[in-house]
N, C-alpha and C. Protein backbone atom coordinates (compact mmCIF):
# COMPACT_ATOMS: atom_id res chain seq x y z
N MET A 1 240.52 -47.39 -52.03
CA MET A 1 240.07 -46.34 -52.44
C MET A 1 238.25 -46.39 -52.66
N SER A 2 237.93 -45.44 -52.01
CA SER A 2 236.34 -45.17 -52.25
C SER A 2 235.90 -44.78 -53.55
N ALA A 3 234.72 -44.98 -54.16
CA ALA A 3 234.26 -44.39 -55.44
C ALA A 3 234.38 -42.93 -55.37
N SER A 4 234.05 -42.40 -53.96
CA SER A 4 234.12 -41.01 -53.90
C SER A 4 235.48 -40.22 -54.06
N SER A 5 236.34 -40.89 -53.29
CA SER A 5 237.78 -40.42 -53.57
C SER A 5 238.30 -40.63 -54.83
N HIS A 6 237.86 -41.75 -55.67
CA HIS A 6 238.33 -41.86 -57.03
C HIS A 6 237.84 -40.59 -57.74
N ARG A 7 236.44 -40.32 -57.64
CA ARG A 7 236.02 -39.18 -58.41
C ARG A 7 236.67 -38.08 -58.15
N TRP A 8 237.02 -37.81 -56.78
CA TRP A 8 237.64 -36.44 -56.75
C TRP A 8 239.16 -36.29 -57.23
N GLY A 9 239.67 -37.55 -57.15
CA GLY A 9 241.14 -37.74 -57.83
C GLY A 9 241.09 -37.49 -59.17
N SER A 10 239.99 -37.83 -59.81
CA SER A 10 240.01 -37.59 -61.39
C SER A 10 239.94 -36.24 -61.64
N GLY A 11 239.02 -35.54 -60.77
CA GLY A 11 238.81 -33.97 -60.97
C GLY A 11 240.12 -33.25 -60.58
N LEU A 12 240.73 -33.71 -59.72
CA LEU A 12 242.11 -33.03 -59.63
C LEU A 12 243.12 -33.29 -60.42
N LYS A 13 243.16 -34.51 -60.98
CA LYS A 13 243.87 -34.45 -62.52
C LYS A 13 243.56 -33.70 -63.53
N PHE A 14 242.25 -33.61 -63.69
CA PHE A 14 241.69 -32.71 -64.71
C PHE A 14 242.02 -31.13 -64.49
N ALA A 15 242.02 -30.89 -63.15
CA ALA A 15 242.33 -29.42 -62.78
C ALA A 15 243.76 -29.32 -63.11
N ALA A 16 244.66 -30.29 -62.96
CA ALA A 16 246.09 -30.12 -63.23
C ALA A 16 246.29 -29.94 -64.50
N LEU A 17 245.63 -30.90 -65.41
CA LEU A 17 245.80 -30.83 -66.94
C LEU A 17 245.36 -29.45 -67.32
N ALA A 18 244.18 -28.95 -67.04
CA ALA A 18 243.69 -27.92 -67.33
C ALA A 18 244.72 -26.56 -67.08
N ALA A 19 245.18 -26.71 -65.90
CA ALA A 19 246.28 -25.60 -65.47
C ALA A 19 247.53 -25.69 -66.46
N SER A 20 247.87 -26.90 -66.78
CA SER A 20 249.04 -27.02 -67.86
C SER A 20 248.68 -26.51 -69.17
N LEU A 21 247.60 -26.42 -69.50
CA LEU A 21 247.30 -26.13 -71.01
C LEU A 21 247.24 -24.53 -70.99
N SER A 22 247.80 -23.86 -71.99
CA SER A 22 247.66 -22.38 -72.03
C SER A 22 246.50 -21.99 -72.84
N PHE A 23 245.96 -20.89 -72.37
CA PHE A 23 244.64 -20.54 -73.06
C PHE A 23 245.22 -19.49 -74.05
N THR A 24 244.54 -19.93 -75.37
CA THR A 24 244.75 -19.02 -76.44
C THR A 24 243.73 -18.53 -77.17
N LEU A 25 243.71 -17.23 -77.80
CA LEU A 25 242.61 -16.84 -78.66
C LEU A 25 243.06 -16.57 -79.76
N THR A 26 242.36 -17.07 -81.02
CA THR A 26 242.78 -17.00 -82.30
C THR A 26 241.91 -16.20 -83.12
N THR A 27 240.86 -15.70 -82.72
CA THR A 27 239.88 -14.80 -83.56
C THR A 27 240.59 -13.59 -83.85
N PRO A 28 239.96 -13.03 -85.05
CA PRO A 28 240.56 -11.51 -85.47
C PRO A 28 240.39 -10.62 -84.09
N LEU A 29 239.34 -10.66 -83.54
CA LEU A 29 238.93 -9.76 -82.36
C LEU A 29 239.66 -9.99 -81.16
N ALA A 30 240.25 -11.02 -81.01
CA ALA A 30 240.89 -11.50 -79.75
C ALA A 30 242.12 -12.32 -80.04
N SER A 31 242.88 -11.65 -80.69
CA SER A 31 244.24 -12.59 -81.00
C SER A 31 245.18 -12.67 -79.77
N ARG A 32 246.04 -13.76 -79.85
CA ARG A 32 246.94 -13.72 -78.59
C ARG A 32 247.87 -12.63 -78.50
N ALA A 33 248.27 -12.00 -79.62
CA ALA A 33 249.05 -10.64 -79.51
C ALA A 33 248.19 -9.75 -78.71
N GLN A 34 247.06 -9.44 -78.94
CA GLN A 34 246.07 -8.40 -78.35
C GLN A 34 246.13 -8.89 -76.86
N LEU A 35 245.97 -10.04 -76.39
CA LEU A 35 246.04 -10.36 -75.01
C LEU A 35 247.17 -10.41 -74.23
N GLY A 36 248.37 -10.31 -75.05
CA GLY A 36 249.67 -10.14 -74.40
C GLY A 36 250.22 -11.46 -73.76
N PRO A 37 251.20 -11.30 -72.90
CA PRO A 37 251.89 -12.51 -72.33
C PRO A 37 250.89 -13.15 -71.55
N PRO A 38 250.93 -14.50 -71.26
CA PRO A 38 250.33 -15.05 -70.13
C PRO A 38 250.37 -14.54 -68.81
N ALA A 39 249.55 -14.71 -67.94
CA ALA A 39 249.75 -14.12 -66.66
C ALA A 39 251.06 -14.89 -65.81
N PRO A 40 251.66 -14.43 -65.09
CA PRO A 40 252.60 -15.02 -64.38
C PRO A 40 252.02 -15.87 -63.18
N ALA A 41 252.65 -17.10 -62.97
CA ALA A 41 252.04 -17.81 -61.86
C ALA A 41 251.80 -17.22 -60.56
N PRO A 42 250.90 -17.39 -59.94
CA PRO A 42 250.70 -16.74 -58.68
C PRO A 42 251.71 -17.17 -57.55
N THR A 43 252.01 -16.10 -56.90
CA THR A 43 252.89 -16.30 -55.87
C THR A 43 252.20 -16.37 -54.39
N GLN A 44 251.09 -16.01 -54.53
CA GLN A 44 250.18 -16.32 -53.13
C GLN A 44 249.20 -17.38 -53.10
N ALA A 45 248.52 -17.83 -52.10
CA ALA A 45 247.67 -18.76 -51.89
C ALA A 45 246.45 -18.50 -52.54
N THR A 46 245.58 -19.38 -52.95
CA THR A 46 244.30 -19.29 -53.48
C THR A 46 243.52 -18.70 -52.31
N SER A 47 242.71 -17.49 -52.73
CA SER A 47 241.86 -16.85 -51.78
C SER A 47 240.63 -16.71 -52.22
N TYR A 48 239.54 -16.54 -51.46
CA TYR A 48 238.06 -16.56 -51.92
C TYR A 48 237.49 -15.16 -51.15
N ALA A 49 236.33 -14.79 -51.93
CA ALA A 49 235.59 -13.60 -51.26
C ALA A 49 234.17 -13.76 -51.90
N ALA A 50 233.35 -13.83 -50.93
CA ALA A 50 231.87 -13.98 -51.25
C ALA A 50 231.07 -12.71 -50.65
N ALA A 51 230.25 -12.38 -51.54
CA ALA A 51 229.28 -11.17 -51.21
C ALA A 51 227.80 -11.53 -51.67
N PHE A 52 226.86 -10.97 -50.96
CA PHE A 52 225.54 -11.14 -51.32
C PHE A 52 224.78 -9.84 -51.45
N THR A 53 223.69 -9.92 -52.12
CA THR A 53 222.82 -8.61 -52.51
C THR A 53 221.57 -8.84 -51.62
N PRO A 54 221.11 -7.54 -51.27
CA PRO A 54 221.53 -6.31 -51.79
C PRO A 54 222.66 -5.78 -51.02
N GLY A 55 223.35 -4.97 -51.91
CA GLY A 55 224.40 -4.07 -51.02
C GLY A 55 225.82 -4.57 -51.09
N GLN A 56 226.30 -5.72 -51.16
CA GLN A 56 227.65 -6.32 -51.01
C GLN A 56 228.32 -6.64 -52.27
N ALA A 57 227.52 -7.21 -53.25
CA ALA A 57 227.91 -8.00 -54.47
C ALA A 57 228.75 -6.89 -55.34
N LEU A 58 228.00 -5.88 -55.85
CA LEU A 58 228.37 -4.96 -56.72
C LEU A 58 229.76 -4.63 -56.55
N PRO A 59 230.28 -3.94 -55.27
CA PRO A 59 231.67 -3.62 -55.02
C PRO A 59 232.52 -4.69 -55.22
N LEU A 60 232.17 -5.92 -55.04
CA LEU A 60 233.40 -7.12 -55.35
C LEU A 60 233.41 -7.43 -56.56
N VAL A 61 232.42 -7.18 -57.57
CA VAL A 61 232.62 -7.23 -58.83
C VAL A 61 233.17 -6.21 -59.50
N LEU A 62 233.04 -4.78 -58.82
CA LEU A 62 233.90 -3.69 -59.44
C LEU A 62 235.42 -3.97 -58.98
N ASP A 63 235.63 -4.36 -57.98
CA ASP A 63 236.92 -4.62 -57.33
C ASP A 63 237.58 -5.60 -58.25
N THR A 64 237.03 -6.61 -58.87
CA THR A 64 237.78 -7.71 -59.50
C THR A 64 238.11 -7.03 -60.89
N ILE A 65 237.06 -6.11 -61.42
CA ILE A 65 237.44 -5.22 -62.72
C ILE A 65 238.54 -4.39 -62.59
N ARG A 66 238.47 -3.45 -61.44
CA ARG A 66 239.42 -2.41 -61.36
C ARG A 66 240.82 -3.02 -61.11
N GLY A 67 241.02 -4.23 -60.39
CA GLY A 67 242.02 -4.95 -60.18
C GLY A 67 242.95 -5.58 -61.38
N ALA A 68 242.18 -5.80 -62.39
CA ALA A 68 242.77 -6.49 -63.61
C ALA A 68 243.83 -5.70 -64.09
N ARG A 69 244.78 -6.31 -64.59
CA ARG A 69 246.15 -5.73 -65.18
C ARG A 69 246.39 -5.86 -66.58
N SER A 70 245.89 -7.20 -67.00
CA SER A 70 246.16 -7.66 -68.42
C SER A 70 244.78 -7.95 -69.26
N THR A 71 243.88 -8.84 -68.77
CA THR A 71 242.73 -9.24 -69.67
C THR A 71 241.57 -9.44 -68.63
N LEU A 72 240.49 -9.20 -69.33
CA LEU A 72 239.19 -9.24 -68.68
C LEU A 72 238.39 -10.07 -69.79
N LEU A 73 237.88 -11.28 -69.32
CA LEU A 73 237.06 -12.09 -70.26
C LEU A 73 235.64 -12.10 -69.60
N VAL A 74 234.76 -11.65 -70.13
CA VAL A 74 233.34 -11.39 -69.48
C VAL A 74 232.16 -12.13 -70.19
N ALA A 75 231.52 -13.08 -69.47
CA ALA A 75 230.42 -13.70 -69.94
C ALA A 75 229.13 -13.20 -69.18
N ALA A 76 228.19 -12.52 -70.01
CA ALA A 76 226.92 -12.06 -69.17
C ALA A 76 225.82 -12.30 -69.85
N TYR A 77 224.72 -12.31 -68.98
CA TYR A 77 223.24 -12.70 -69.62
C TYR A 77 222.60 -11.33 -69.36
N SER A 78 221.96 -10.99 -68.62
CA SER A 78 221.30 -9.52 -68.27
C SER A 78 222.15 -8.51 -67.94
N PHE A 79 222.36 -7.39 -68.83
CA PHE A 79 223.80 -6.60 -68.55
C PHE A 79 223.19 -5.24 -68.72
N THR A 80 222.69 -4.55 -67.64
CA THR A 80 222.37 -3.23 -67.95
C THR A 80 222.93 -2.14 -66.72
N SER A 81 223.94 -2.68 -65.99
CA SER A 81 224.55 -2.02 -65.04
C SER A 81 225.48 -1.08 -65.55
N ARG A 82 225.08 0.34 -65.35
CA ARG A 82 226.06 1.36 -65.67
C ARG A 82 227.56 1.11 -64.99
N PRO A 83 227.48 0.97 -63.71
CA PRO A 83 228.68 0.92 -62.91
C PRO A 83 229.58 -0.12 -63.48
N VAL A 84 229.22 -1.30 -63.92
CA VAL A 84 229.99 -2.40 -64.50
C VAL A 84 230.41 -1.99 -65.74
N ALA A 85 229.51 -1.51 -66.68
CA ALA A 85 229.91 -1.14 -67.98
C ALA A 85 231.03 -0.16 -68.00
N THR A 86 230.81 0.82 -67.19
CA THR A 86 231.86 1.89 -67.01
C THR A 86 233.08 1.46 -66.67
N ALA A 87 233.10 0.49 -65.55
CA ALA A 87 234.45 0.02 -65.14
C ALA A 87 235.18 -0.91 -66.30
N LEU A 88 234.33 -1.62 -67.09
CA LEU A 88 234.97 -2.36 -68.03
C LEU A 88 235.60 -1.31 -69.23
N ARG A 89 234.92 -0.39 -69.45
CA ARG A 89 235.26 0.72 -70.38
C ARG A 89 236.57 1.38 -69.78
N ASP A 90 236.59 1.72 -68.66
CA ASP A 90 237.67 2.27 -68.07
C ASP A 90 238.97 1.39 -67.89
N ALA A 91 238.73 0.11 -67.84
CA ALA A 91 239.72 -1.05 -67.61
C ALA A 91 240.29 -0.97 -69.06
N GLN A 92 239.58 -1.06 -70.14
CA GLN A 92 240.15 -0.94 -71.47
C GLN A 92 240.92 0.35 -71.74
N ARG A 93 240.45 1.56 -71.15
CA ARG A 93 241.27 2.68 -71.50
C ARG A 93 242.65 2.71 -70.64
N ARG A 94 242.68 2.03 -69.62
CA ARG A 94 243.93 1.86 -69.01
C ARG A 94 244.81 0.85 -69.42
N GLY A 95 244.57 0.15 -70.59
CA GLY A 95 245.46 -0.79 -71.13
C GLY A 95 245.01 -2.33 -71.01
N VAL A 96 243.92 -2.55 -70.23
CA VAL A 96 243.56 -4.00 -70.03
C VAL A 96 242.73 -4.43 -71.32
N LYS A 97 243.14 -5.59 -71.61
CA LYS A 97 242.35 -6.18 -72.89
C LYS A 97 241.03 -6.87 -72.43
N VAL A 98 239.68 -6.01 -72.76
CA VAL A 98 238.53 -6.47 -72.52
C VAL A 98 237.65 -7.03 -73.46
N PHE A 99 237.08 -8.23 -73.24
CA PHE A 99 236.15 -8.85 -74.18
C PHE A 99 234.94 -9.42 -73.54
N VAL A 100 233.87 -9.20 -74.09
CA VAL A 100 232.60 -9.49 -73.61
C VAL A 100 231.82 -10.33 -74.64
N VAL A 101 231.14 -11.47 -73.86
CA VAL A 101 230.15 -12.12 -74.67
C VAL A 101 228.93 -12.20 -73.94
N VAL A 102 227.82 -11.89 -74.68
CA VAL A 102 226.51 -11.64 -73.83
C VAL A 102 225.49 -12.48 -74.66
N ASP A 103 224.37 -12.93 -73.99
CA ASP A 103 223.10 -13.41 -74.61
C ASP A 103 222.48 -12.49 -75.65
N ALA A 104 222.33 -13.15 -76.84
CA ALA A 104 221.84 -12.19 -77.84
C ALA A 104 220.70 -11.70 -77.83
N GLY A 105 219.82 -12.23 -77.15
CA GLY A 105 218.24 -11.81 -76.81
C GLY A 105 218.42 -10.65 -75.82
N GLU A 106 219.24 -10.77 -74.78
CA GLU A 106 219.48 -9.72 -73.81
C GLU A 106 220.01 -8.39 -74.43
N ALA A 107 221.15 -8.70 -75.39
CA ALA A 107 221.91 -7.66 -75.99
C ALA A 107 221.00 -6.82 -76.86
N ALA A 108 220.04 -7.45 -77.51
CA ALA A 108 219.22 -6.49 -78.35
C ALA A 108 218.09 -5.73 -77.70
N LYS A 109 218.11 -5.74 -76.19
CA LYS A 109 217.12 -4.96 -75.57
C LYS A 109 217.73 -3.39 -75.38
N ALA A 110 216.72 -2.59 -75.33
CA ALA A 110 216.98 -1.10 -75.38
C ALA A 110 218.03 -0.69 -74.39
N TYR A 111 218.14 -1.32 -73.11
CA TYR A 111 219.13 -0.57 -72.14
C TYR A 111 220.14 -1.50 -71.82
N SER A 112 220.52 -2.37 -72.72
CA SER A 112 221.61 -3.17 -72.65
C SER A 112 222.84 -2.61 -72.55
N ALA A 113 223.91 -2.75 -71.74
CA ALA A 113 225.29 -2.34 -71.76
C ALA A 113 225.98 -2.92 -72.86
N ALA A 114 225.59 -3.80 -73.54
CA ALA A 114 226.53 -4.47 -74.65
C ALA A 114 226.52 -3.44 -75.73
N ARG A 115 225.54 -2.64 -76.28
CA ARG A 115 225.87 -1.57 -77.20
C ARG A 115 226.72 -0.49 -76.62
N PHE A 116 226.63 -0.10 -75.43
CA PHE A 116 227.45 1.06 -74.88
C PHE A 116 228.88 0.73 -74.95
N LEU A 117 229.05 -0.69 -74.56
CA LEU A 117 230.43 -1.24 -74.71
C LEU A 117 230.90 -1.45 -76.24
N ALA A 118 230.18 -1.80 -77.06
CA ALA A 118 230.55 -2.00 -78.46
C ALA A 118 230.80 -0.22 -79.15
N ASN A 119 229.84 0.49 -78.66
CA ASN A 119 230.37 1.92 -78.99
C ASN A 119 231.48 2.45 -78.41
N GLU A 120 231.97 1.90 -77.19
CA GLU A 120 233.17 2.27 -76.74
C GLU A 120 234.28 1.55 -77.19
N ARG A 121 234.23 0.64 -78.45
CA ARG A 121 235.33 -0.13 -78.99
C ARG A 121 235.74 -1.20 -78.04
N VAL A 122 234.87 -1.69 -77.22
CA VAL A 122 235.06 -2.89 -76.34
C VAL A 122 234.73 -4.04 -77.36
N PRO A 123 235.29 -5.04 -77.61
CA PRO A 123 234.98 -6.19 -78.34
C PRO A 123 233.89 -6.81 -77.63
N VAL A 124 232.77 -6.93 -78.35
CA VAL A 124 231.40 -7.77 -77.90
C VAL A 124 231.13 -8.57 -78.82
N ARG A 125 230.55 -9.74 -78.45
CA ARG A 125 230.01 -10.78 -79.30
C ARG A 125 228.59 -11.20 -78.57
N ALA A 126 227.56 -11.34 -79.40
CA ALA A 126 226.24 -11.61 -78.86
C ALA A 126 226.05 -13.23 -79.23
N ASN A 127 225.84 -14.06 -78.14
CA ASN A 127 225.58 -15.70 -78.36
C ASN A 127 224.16 -16.03 -78.59
N ALA A 128 223.69 -16.55 -79.51
CA ALA A 128 222.37 -16.92 -79.96
C ALA A 128 222.28 -18.28 -80.12
N ARG A 129 223.52 -19.09 -79.78
CA ARG A 129 223.58 -20.64 -80.07
C ARG A 129 222.48 -21.37 -79.08
N HIS A 130 222.51 -20.84 -78.01
CA HIS A 130 221.62 -21.57 -76.91
C HIS A 130 220.16 -20.60 -76.39
N ALA A 131 219.29 -21.39 -75.89
CA ALA A 131 218.04 -20.79 -75.36
C ALA A 131 218.55 -19.61 -74.72
N LEU A 132 219.15 -19.69 -73.69
CA LEU A 132 219.82 -18.71 -73.09
C LEU A 132 221.27 -18.80 -72.92
N GLN A 133 222.18 -17.67 -72.87
CA GLN A 133 223.49 -17.62 -72.70
C GLN A 133 223.56 -17.14 -71.22
N HIS A 134 223.23 -17.88 -70.33
CA HIS A 134 222.91 -17.66 -68.84
C HIS A 134 224.05 -17.51 -67.95
N ASN A 135 225.38 -17.56 -68.44
CA ASN A 135 226.45 -17.59 -67.70
C ASN A 135 226.74 -15.92 -67.06
N LYS A 136 227.32 -15.80 -66.02
CA LYS A 136 227.83 -14.54 -65.31
C LYS A 136 229.05 -14.59 -64.87
N PHE A 137 230.03 -14.46 -65.49
CA PHE A 137 231.47 -14.66 -64.87
C PHE A 137 232.46 -13.72 -65.52
N ILE A 138 233.52 -13.52 -64.76
CA ILE A 138 234.58 -12.86 -65.30
C ILE A 138 235.88 -13.65 -65.00
N VAL A 139 236.73 -13.82 -66.12
CA VAL A 139 238.06 -14.26 -65.80
C VAL A 139 239.04 -13.10 -65.88
N ALA A 140 239.70 -12.86 -64.82
CA ALA A 140 240.57 -11.62 -64.70
C ALA A 140 241.94 -12.16 -64.66
N ASP A 141 242.79 -11.43 -65.56
CA ASP A 141 244.21 -11.79 -65.77
C ASP A 141 244.63 -13.41 -65.72
N GLY A 142 243.66 -14.37 -66.12
CA GLY A 142 244.06 -15.71 -66.28
C GLY A 142 244.21 -16.36 -64.90
N THR A 143 243.95 -15.69 -63.75
CA THR A 143 244.32 -16.21 -62.27
C THR A 143 243.21 -15.99 -61.56
N ALA A 144 242.02 -15.13 -61.91
CA ALA A 144 240.93 -14.93 -60.90
C ALA A 144 239.61 -15.12 -61.72
N VAL A 145 238.68 -15.76 -61.01
CA VAL A 145 237.22 -15.85 -61.39
C VAL A 145 236.27 -15.04 -60.60
N GLN A 146 235.54 -14.50 -61.08
CA GLN A 146 234.24 -13.88 -60.36
C GLN A 146 233.05 -14.60 -61.10
N THR A 147 232.22 -15.24 -60.33
CA THR A 147 231.10 -16.04 -60.59
C THR A 147 229.78 -15.95 -59.62
N GLY A 148 228.99 -16.60 -60.00
CA GLY A 148 227.74 -16.43 -59.11
C GLY A 148 226.48 -16.18 -59.77
N SER A 149 225.36 -16.09 -59.19
CA SER A 149 223.84 -15.74 -59.71
C SER A 149 223.80 -14.41 -60.12
N PHE A 150 224.57 -13.31 -59.74
CA PHE A 150 224.56 -12.02 -59.98
C PHE A 150 224.59 -11.59 -61.36
N ASN A 151 223.61 -11.00 -61.93
CA ASN A 151 223.52 -10.58 -63.21
C ASN A 151 224.13 -9.19 -63.02
N TYR A 152 224.63 -8.56 -64.24
CA TYR A 152 225.15 -7.42 -63.95
C TYR A 152 223.93 -6.03 -64.46
N THR A 153 223.15 -5.89 -63.40
CA THR A 153 221.93 -5.09 -63.47
C THR A 153 221.81 -4.30 -62.07
N ALA A 154 220.98 -3.38 -62.09
CA ALA A 154 220.68 -2.61 -60.96
C ALA A 154 219.70 -3.40 -59.99
N SER A 155 218.85 -4.24 -60.68
CA SER A 155 217.93 -5.04 -59.77
C SER A 155 218.79 -5.99 -59.22
N ALA A 156 219.70 -6.56 -59.75
CA ALA A 156 220.54 -7.64 -59.10
C ALA A 156 221.15 -6.96 -57.90
N ALA A 157 221.68 -5.86 -58.10
CA ALA A 157 222.75 -5.24 -57.09
C ALA A 157 221.64 -4.62 -55.85
N GLN A 158 220.41 -4.17 -56.19
CA GLN A 158 219.62 -3.61 -55.11
C GLN A 158 218.38 -4.31 -54.67
N ARG A 159 217.80 -5.18 -55.55
CA ARG A 159 216.60 -5.74 -55.13
C ARG A 159 216.38 -7.16 -54.94
N ASN A 160 217.38 -7.84 -55.81
CA ASN A 160 217.26 -9.46 -55.72
C ASN A 160 218.27 -9.91 -54.72
N ALA A 161 217.98 -11.22 -54.38
CA ALA A 161 218.97 -11.96 -53.49
C ALA A 161 219.71 -12.66 -54.24
N GLU A 162 221.04 -12.27 -54.49
CA GLU A 162 221.84 -12.73 -55.49
C GLU A 162 223.23 -12.97 -54.77
N ASN A 163 224.12 -13.57 -55.34
CA ASN A 163 225.66 -14.09 -54.61
C ASN A 163 226.60 -13.89 -55.83
N VAL A 164 227.79 -13.48 -55.25
CA VAL A 164 229.06 -13.25 -55.98
C VAL A 164 230.15 -13.94 -55.25
N LEU A 165 231.00 -14.61 -56.01
CA LEU A 165 231.93 -15.46 -55.44
C LEU A 165 233.31 -15.08 -56.42
N VAL A 166 234.37 -14.69 -55.71
CA VAL A 166 235.69 -14.25 -56.39
C VAL A 166 236.62 -15.44 -55.71
N VAL A 167 237.38 -16.05 -56.86
CA VAL A 167 238.44 -16.90 -56.29
C VAL A 167 239.67 -16.39 -56.92
N ARG A 168 240.77 -15.99 -56.29
CA ARG A 168 241.93 -15.19 -56.68
C ARG A 168 243.06 -16.32 -56.64
N ASN A 169 244.13 -16.12 -57.43
CA ASN A 169 245.36 -16.89 -57.52
C ASN A 169 244.90 -18.28 -57.76
N ALA A 170 244.01 -18.57 -58.80
CA ALA A 170 243.50 -19.95 -59.12
C ALA A 170 243.77 -20.16 -60.59
N PRO A 171 245.02 -20.30 -61.17
CA PRO A 171 245.08 -20.31 -62.46
C PRO A 171 244.21 -21.58 -63.18
N ALA A 172 244.25 -22.65 -62.48
CA ALA A 172 243.52 -23.85 -62.92
C ALA A 172 242.09 -23.70 -63.08
N LEU A 173 241.41 -22.91 -62.22
CA LEU A 173 240.13 -22.70 -62.33
C LEU A 173 239.88 -21.56 -63.39
N ALA A 174 240.79 -20.69 -63.46
CA ALA A 174 240.67 -19.75 -64.41
C ALA A 174 240.65 -20.29 -65.73
N ALA A 175 241.53 -21.31 -66.10
CA ALA A 175 241.77 -21.98 -67.38
C ALA A 175 240.45 -22.59 -67.68
N GLN A 176 239.64 -23.24 -66.71
CA GLN A 176 238.42 -23.78 -67.00
C GLN A 176 237.30 -22.96 -67.48
N TYR A 177 237.29 -21.65 -66.69
CA TYR A 177 236.27 -20.77 -67.03
C TYR A 177 236.70 -20.17 -68.35
N GLY A 178 237.91 -19.96 -68.61
CA GLY A 178 238.45 -19.48 -69.86
C GLY A 178 238.08 -20.17 -71.07
N ALA A 179 238.13 -21.46 -70.90
CA ALA A 179 237.85 -22.32 -71.92
C ALA A 179 236.35 -22.33 -72.17
N GLU A 180 235.50 -22.17 -71.18
CA GLU A 180 233.85 -22.24 -71.36
C GLU A 180 233.77 -20.62 -72.05
N TRP A 181 234.50 -19.75 -71.77
CA TRP A 181 234.28 -18.37 -72.16
C TRP A 181 234.70 -18.27 -73.64
N ARG A 182 235.76 -19.02 -73.97
CA ARG A 182 236.21 -19.18 -75.50
C ARG A 182 235.22 -19.82 -76.32
N ARG A 183 234.60 -21.07 -75.77
CA ARG A 183 233.48 -21.58 -76.45
C ARG A 183 232.41 -20.67 -76.81
N LEU A 184 231.98 -19.92 -75.89
CA LEU A 184 230.61 -18.82 -75.86
C LEU A 184 231.15 -17.70 -76.93
N TRP A 185 232.47 -17.35 -76.91
CA TRP A 185 233.08 -16.35 -77.76
C TRP A 185 232.99 -16.88 -79.15
N ASP A 186 233.58 -17.99 -79.38
CA ASP A 186 233.55 -18.60 -80.66
C ASP A 186 232.28 -18.91 -81.37
N GLU A 187 230.98 -19.05 -80.52
CA GLU A 187 229.83 -19.32 -80.92
C GLU A 187 228.88 -17.88 -81.36
N GLY A 188 229.66 -16.77 -80.83
CA GLY A 188 228.95 -15.52 -80.87
C GLY A 188 229.17 -14.75 -82.25
N ALA A 189 228.31 -13.81 -82.56
CA ALA A 189 228.55 -13.02 -83.55
C ALA A 189 228.84 -11.44 -83.03
N GLU A 190 229.75 -10.95 -83.74
CA GLU A 190 230.19 -9.60 -83.45
C GLU A 190 229.22 -8.64 -83.16
N LEU A 191 229.22 -7.77 -82.11
CA LEU A 191 228.19 -6.89 -82.05
C LEU A 191 228.92 -5.49 -82.45
N PRO A 192 228.75 -4.75 -83.64
CA PRO A 192 229.50 -3.83 -84.06
C PRO A 192 229.13 -2.54 -83.35
N PRO A 193 229.90 -1.27 -83.45
CA PRO A 193 229.52 -0.15 -82.80
C PRO A 193 228.28 0.46 -83.85
N ALA A 194 227.45 1.28 -83.08
CA ALA A 194 226.47 1.85 -83.70
C ALA A 194 226.70 3.18 -84.42
N TYR A 195 227.94 3.56 -83.87
CA TYR A 195 228.52 4.82 -84.46
C TYR A 195 229.90 4.80 -84.33
């Protein structure tokens, strides 16, 4: 066995272990009861979709949000996109449990969507633990992950060269991203509604 195949084998064992662990939330804002039952095991093969900006990435992000049925765990850095914020609010209104963790410095800016979401009673936490909370990803229903360089901003959608990758029917990958999201959430402070 080569060193390369050994490293890949260890990664696969870790992925299998991560898939076998259930993701639980215990904070008052995000209790297991609020999240509901775990998502069922996928019955379809893992699928991938990639998109690039300008023009293609935002629709893929919105499709991920609109397709969620039970939970959306969002990690955002720069977040000023009205379409993304509105889609998250609408998801919560249709019964999806939505939780957002954002970079604290970005959340304090005048046009941050974090304040809009907090005012709409979407649980939001601002993470100031790191120089930048630079993650940009969404875990949907414990089985899908949207990730990439794409910030949830108009500039990212219309002016920048950015990418989005969505991996569906991938509970092991979703568990890894969910664990990272949970760490960021636990480090954050609640962003209360302004009114």
